[in-house]
Amino acid sequence: SPECVMVCILPASVPSHDVTFHIQQTLVEAFCVEHAIPILKIGDLEKLAVIFAGRKDVANSLENNQDEGEGDLTCLLVQVPEVKSPADQFVMEFCEMIFLPHPRIDLPA
Protein backbone atom coordinates (compact mmCIF):
# COMPACT_ATOMS: atom_id res chain seq x y z
CA SER A 1 0.00 0.00 0.00
CA PRO A 2 2.08 2.95 -1.23
CA GLU A 3 -0.27 5.45 0.41
CA CYS A 4 0.81 4.09 3.81
CA VAL A 5 4.52 4.79 3.23
CA MET A 6 5.93 8.04 4.62
CA VAL A 7 9.49 7.60 3.29
CA CYS A 8 11.73 4.96 1.72
CA ILE A 9 15.27 4.74 3.12
CA LEU A 10 17.92 3.16 0.92
CA PRO A 11 21.66 2.79 1.39
CA ALA A 12 23.55 4.84 -1.21
CA SER A 13 25.89 1.92 -1.76
CA VAL A 14 26.46 -1.54 -0.39
CA PRO A 15 29.91 -3.15 -0.44
CA SER A 16 28.80 -5.82 -2.86
CA HIS A 17 29.26 -6.33 -6.56
CA ASP A 18 25.99 -8.20 -6.87
CA VAL A 19 24.05 -7.21 -9.99
CA THR A 20 20.79 -8.34 -8.41
CA PHE A 21 21.21 -5.71 -5.69
CA HIS A 22 21.53 -2.99 -8.33
CA ILE A 23 18.41 -4.25 -10.12
CA GLN A 24 16.49 -4.39 -6.83
CA GLN A 25 17.49 -0.82 -5.93
CA THR A 26 16.49 0.42 -9.38
CA LEU A 27 13.07 -1.23 -9.13
CA VAL A 28 12.46 0.07 -5.60
CA GLU A 29 13.42 3.61 -6.64
CA ALA A 30 11.16 3.42 -9.71
CA PHE A 31 8.25 2.20 -7.57
CA CYS A 32 8.78 5.04 -5.09
CA VAL A 33 9.00 7.68 -7.82
CA GLU A 34 5.87 6.31 -9.51
CA HIS A 35 3.91 6.51 -6.25
CA ALA A 36 5.44 9.82 -5.05
CA ILE A 37 7.15 8.20 -2.06
CA PRO A 38 10.12 10.29 -0.91
CA ILE A 39 13.46 8.47 -1.05
CA LEU A 40 16.31 9.15 1.36
CA LYS A 41 19.68 7.60 0.53
CA ILE A 42 21.92 6.98 3.51
CA GLY A 43 25.65 7.11 2.90
CA ASP A 44 26.92 4.61 5.48
CA LEU A 45 25.41 1.11 5.71
CA GLU A 46 27.07 0.37 9.07
CA LYS A 47 25.52 3.46 10.69
CA LEU A 48 22.17 2.57 9.14
CA ALA A 49 22.44 -0.94 10.63
CA VAL A 50 23.32 0.41 14.07
CA ILE A 51 20.45 2.91 14.05
CA PHE A 52 17.71 0.67 12.68
CA ALA A 53 18.82 -2.82 13.66
CA GLY A 54 20.76 -1.80 16.74
CA ARG A 55 23.58 -4.19 15.88
CA LYS A 56 26.94 -3.76 14.20
CA ASP A 57 27.01 -7.45 13.28
CA VAL A 58 24.19 -6.82 10.79
CA ALA A 59 26.36 -4.37 8.87
CA ASN A 60 29.32 -6.76 9.05
CA SER A 61 27.25 -9.62 7.66
CA LEU A 62 26.03 -7.44 4.81
CA GLU A 63 29.60 -6.44 4.01
CA ASN A 64 30.60 -10.11 3.96
CA ASN A 65 27.66 -10.90 1.65
CA GLN A 66 25.90 -13.13 4.19
CA ASP A 67 22.12 -13.47 4.25
CA GLU A 68 20.73 -12.52 7.64
CA GLY A 69 17.00 -12.40 6.82
CA GLU A 70 15.88 -9.81 9.35
CA GLY A 71 19.24 -8.03 9.01
CA ASP A 72 18.49 -7.05 5.42
CA LEU A 73 18.79 -3.28 5.17
CA THR A 74 18.60 -2.92 1.41
CA CYS A 75 15.32 -1.04 1.76
CA LEU A 76 13.48 0.43 4.74
CA LEU A 77 9.91 1.63 4.36
CA VAL A 78 8.66 3.95 7.09
CA GLN A 79 4.90 3.83 7.48
CA VAL A 80 2.76 6.90 8.00
CA PRO A 81 1.87 6.84 11.71
CA GLU A 82 -1.76 7.05 12.83
CA VAL A 83 -0.88 9.87 15.23
CA LYS A 84 1.99 12.06 14.04
CA SER A 85 4.56 13.14 16.60
CA PRO A 86 6.60 16.32 16.12
CA ALA A 87 9.47 14.12 14.87
CA ASP A 88 7.18 12.47 12.30
CA GLN A 89 5.97 15.88 11.15
CA PHE A 90 9.58 17.06 10.85
CA VAL A 91 10.48 14.05 8.67
CA MET A 92 7.45 14.61 6.44
CA GLU A 93 8.23 18.32 6.02
CA PHE A 94 11.90 17.54 5.38
CA CYS A 95 10.96 15.05 2.68
CA GLU A 96 8.61 17.55 1.04
CA MET A 97 11.38 20.18 0.95
CA ILE A 98 13.98 17.91 -0.62
CA PHE A 99 11.81 15.55 -2.67
CA LEU A 100 13.80 16.08 -5.88
CA PRO A 101 16.57 15.18 -6.41
CA HIS A 102 16.87 12.27 -4.03
CA PRO A 103 19.37 13.30 -1.38
CA ARG A 104 22.22 11.32 0.09
CA ILE A 105 22.56 11.83 3.82
CA ASP A 106 25.76 11.18 5.76
CA LEU A 107 24.94 10.21 9.34
CA PRO A 108 27.05 11.56 12.19
CA ALA A 109 29.35 9.12 13.98
C-alpha atoms as a PDB file:
ATOM      1  CA  SER A   1       0.000   0.000   0.000  1.00  0.00           C
ATOM      2  CA  PRO A   2       2.080   2.954  -1.230  1.00  0.00           C
ATOM      3  CA  GLU A   3      -0.266   5.454   0.414  1.00  0.00           C
ATOM      4  CA  CYS A   4       0.814   4.085   3.814  1.00  0.00           C
ATOM      5  CA  VAL A   5       4.523   4.795   3.226  1.00  0.00           C
ATOM      6  CA  MET A   6       5.927   8.038   4.622  1.00  0.00           C
ATOM      7  CA  VAL A   7       9.486   7.599   3.292  1.00  0.00           C
ATOM      8  CA  CYS A   8      11.734   4.961   1.721  1.00  0.00           C
ATOM      9  CA  ILE A   9      15.270   4.737   3.125  1.00  0.00           C
ATOM     10  CA  LEU A  10      17.916   3.163   0.918  1.00  0.00           C
ATOM     11  CA  PRO A  11      21.662   2.785   1.389  1.00  0.00           C
ATOM     12  CA  ALA A  12      23.548   4.836  -1.207  1.00  0.00           C
ATOM     13  CA  SER A  13      25.887   1.923  -1.760  1.00  0.00           C
ATOM     14  CA  VAL A  14      26.461  -1.544  -0.386  1.00  0.00           C
ATOM     15  CA  PRO A  15      29.908  -3.147  -0.443  1.00  0.00           C
ATOM     16  CA  SER A  16      28.797  -5.819  -2.860  1.00  0.00           C
ATOM     17  CA  HIS A  17      29.259  -6.328  -6.563  1.00  0.00           C
ATOM     18  CA  ASP A  18      25.988  -8.200  -6.869  1.00  0.00           C
ATOM     19  CA  VAL A  19      24.049  -7.210  -9.995  1.00  0.00           C
ATOM     20  CA  THR A  20      20.785  -8.336  -8.408  1.00  0.00           C
ATOM     21  CA  PHE A  21      21.208  -5.706  -5.689  1.00  0.00           C
ATOM     22  CA  HIS A  22      21.532  -2.990  -8.326  1.00  0.00           C
ATOM     23  CA  ILE A  23      18.406  -4.246 -10.120  1.00  0.00           C
ATOM     24  CA  GLN A  24      16.485  -4.392  -6.833  1.00  0.00           C
ATOM     25  CA  GLN A  25      17.495  -0.824  -5.927  1.00  0.00           C
ATOM     26  CA  THR A  26      16.494   0.422  -9.381  1.00  0.00           C
ATOM     27  CA  LEU A  27      13.067  -1.229  -9.125  1.00  0.00           C
ATOM     28  CA  VAL A  28      12.464   0.074  -5.600  1.00  0.00           C
ATOM     29  CA  GLU A  29      13.421   3.606  -6.643  1.00  0.00           C
ATOM     30  CA  ALA A  30      11.159   3.422  -9.712  1.00  0.00           C
ATOM     31  CA  PHE A  31       8.251   2.202  -7.568  1.00  0.00           C
ATOM     32  CA  CYS A  32       8.783   5.042  -5.091  1.00  0.00           C
ATOM     33  CA  VAL A  33       8.996   7.682  -7.816  1.00  0.00           C
ATOM     34  CA  GLU A  34       5.874   6.310  -9.510  1.00  0.00           C
ATOM     35  CA  HIS A  35       3.906   6.513  -6.249  1.00  0.00           C
ATOM     36  CA  ALA A  36       5.437   9.823  -5.051  1.00  0.00           C
ATOM     37  CA  ILE A  37       7.154   8.200  -2.065  1.00  0.00           C
ATOM     38  CA  PRO A  38      10.121  10.290  -0.910  1.00  0.00           C
ATOM     39  CA  ILE A  39      13.456   8.468  -1.051  1.00  0.00           C
ATOM     40  CA  LEU A  40      16.308   9.151   1.359  1.00  0.00           C
ATOM     41  CA  LYS A  41      19.676   7.601   0.533  1.00  0.00           C
ATOM     42  CA  ILE A  42      21.921   6.983   3.508  1.00  0.00           C
ATOM     43  CA  GLY A  43      25.652   7.111   2.903  1.00  0.00           C
ATOM     44  CA  ASP A  44      26.915   4.605   5.479  1.00  0.00           C
ATOM     45  CA  LEU A  45      25.413   1.112   5.714  1.00  0.00           C
ATOM     46  CA  GLU A  46      27.072   0.375   9.072  1.00  0.00           C
ATOM     47  CA  LYS A  47      25.525   3.456  10.686  1.00  0.00           C
ATOM     48  CA  LEU A  48      22.172   2.567   9.144  1.00  0.00           C
ATOM     49  CA  ALA A  49      22.440  -0.943  10.629  1.00  0.00           C
ATOM     50  CA  VAL A  50      23.315   0.407  14.069  1.00  0.00           C
ATOM     51  CA  ILE A  51      20.447   2.907  14.046  1.00  0.00           C
ATOM     52  CA  PHE A  52      17.710   0.665  12.679  1.00  0.00           C
ATOM     53  CA  ALA A  53      18.823  -2.825  13.659  1.00  0.00           C
ATOM     54  CA  GLY A  54      20.759  -1.798  16.736  1.00  0.00           C
ATOM     55  CA  ARG A  55      23.575  -4.191  15.883  1.00  0.00           C
ATOM     56  CA  LYS A  56      26.935  -3.760  14.202  1.00  0.00           C
ATOM     57  CA  ASP A  57      27.014  -7.452  13.284  1.00  0.00           C
ATOM     58  CA  VAL A  58      24.194  -6.821  10.794  1.00  0.00           C
ATOM     59  CA  ALA A  59      26.363  -4.369   8.868  1.00  0.00           C
ATOM     60  CA  ASN A  60      29.323  -6.758   9.049  1.00  0.00           C
ATOM     61  CA  SER A  61      27.253  -9.625   7.658  1.00  0.00           C
ATOM     62  CA  LEU A  62      26.031  -7.441   4.805  1.00  0.00           C
ATOM     63  CA  GLU A  63      29.599  -6.439   4.007  1.00  0.00           C
ATOM     64  CA  ASN A  64      30.599 -10.110   3.956  1.00  0.00           C
ATOM     65  CA  ASN A  65      27.659 -10.902   1.646  1.00  0.00           C
ATOM     66  CA  GLN A  66      25.895 -13.129   4.186  1.00  0.00           C
ATOM     67  CA  ASP A  67      22.117 -13.468   4.246  1.00  0.00           C
ATOM     68  CA  GLU A  68      20.726 -12.522   7.643  1.00  0.00           C
ATOM     69  CA  GLY A  69      16.998 -12.398   6.818  1.00  0.00           C
ATOM     70  CA  GLU A  70      15.880  -9.805   9.353  1.00  0.00           C
ATOM     71  CA  GLY A  71      19.238  -8.032   9.006  1.00  0.00           C
ATOM     72  CA  ASP A  72      18.491  -7.054   5.419  1.00  0.00           C
ATOM     73  CA  LEU A  73      18.788  -3.283   5.175  1.00  0.00           C
ATOM     74  CA  THR A  74      18.602  -2.921   1.411  1.00  0.00           C
ATOM     75  CA  CYS A  75      15.315  -1.038   1.762  1.00  0.00           C
ATOM     76  CA  LEU A  76      13.478   0.429   4.740  1.00  0.00           C
ATOM     77  CA  LEU A  77       9.908   1.635   4.363  1.00  0.00           C
ATOM     78  CA  VAL A  78       8.655   3.951   7.085  1.00  0.00           C
ATOM     79  CA  GLN A  79       4.901   3.829   7.483  1.00  0.00           C
ATOM     80  CA  VAL A  80       2.758   6.900   8.000  1.00  0.00           C
ATOM     81  CA  PRO A  81       1.865   6.842  11.713  1.00  0.00           C
ATOM     82  CA  GLU A  82      -1.761   7.054  12.835  1.00  0.00           C
ATOM     83  CA  VAL A  83      -0.876   9.874  15.226  1.00  0.00           C
ATOM     84  CA  LYS A  84       1.988  12.057  14.036  1.00  0.00           C
ATOM     85  CA  SER A  85       4.558  13.135  16.597  1.00  0.00           C
ATOM     86  CA  PRO A  86       6.605  16.317  16.125  1.00  0.00           C
ATOM     87  CA  ALA A  87       9.470  14.123  14.869  1.00  0.00           C
ATOM     88  CA  ASP A  88       7.175  12.475  12.303  1.00  0.00           C
ATOM     89  CA  GLN A  89       5.973  15.878  11.155  1.00  0.00           C
ATOM     90  CA  PHE A  90       9.584  17.056  10.852  1.00  0.00           C
ATOM     91  CA  VAL A  91      10.482  14.048   8.667  1.00  0.00           C
ATOM     92  CA  MET A  92       7.450  14.610   6.440  1.00  0.00           C
ATOM     93  CA  GLU A  93       8.229  18.322   6.020  1.00  0.00           C
ATOM     94  CA  PHE A  94      11.905  17.543   5.375  1.00  0.00           C
ATOM     95  CA  CYS A  95      10.957  15.047   2.678  1.00  0.00           C
ATOM     96  CA  GLU A  96       8.607  17.548   1.042  1.00  0.00           C
ATOM     97  CA  MET A  97      11.376  20.176   0.954  1.00  0.00           C
ATOM     98  CA  ILE A  98      13.975  17.906  -0.621  1.00  0.00           C
ATOM     99  CA  PHE A  99      11.806  15.550  -2.674  1.00  0.00           C
ATOM    100  CA  LEU A 100      13.803  16.077  -5.877  1.00  0.00           C
ATOM    101  CA  PRO A 101      16.571  15.185  -6.415  1.00  0.00           C
ATOM    102  CA  HIS A 102      16.875  12.271  -4.028  1.00  0.00           C
ATOM    103  CA  PRO A 103      19.366  13.302  -1.378  1.00  0.00           C
ATOM    104  CA  ARG A 104      22.219  11.321   0.086  1.00  0.00           C
ATOM    105  CA  ILE A 105      22.561  11.825   3.820  1.00  0.00           C
ATOM    106  CA  ASP A 106      25.765  11.181   5.759  1.00  0.00           C
ATOM    107  CA  LEU A 107      24.938  10.211   9.337  1.00  0.00           C
ATOM    108  CA  PRO A 108      27.052  11.563  12.185  1.00  0.00           C
ATOM    109  CA  ALA A 109      29.352   9.118  13.978  1.00  0.00           C
END
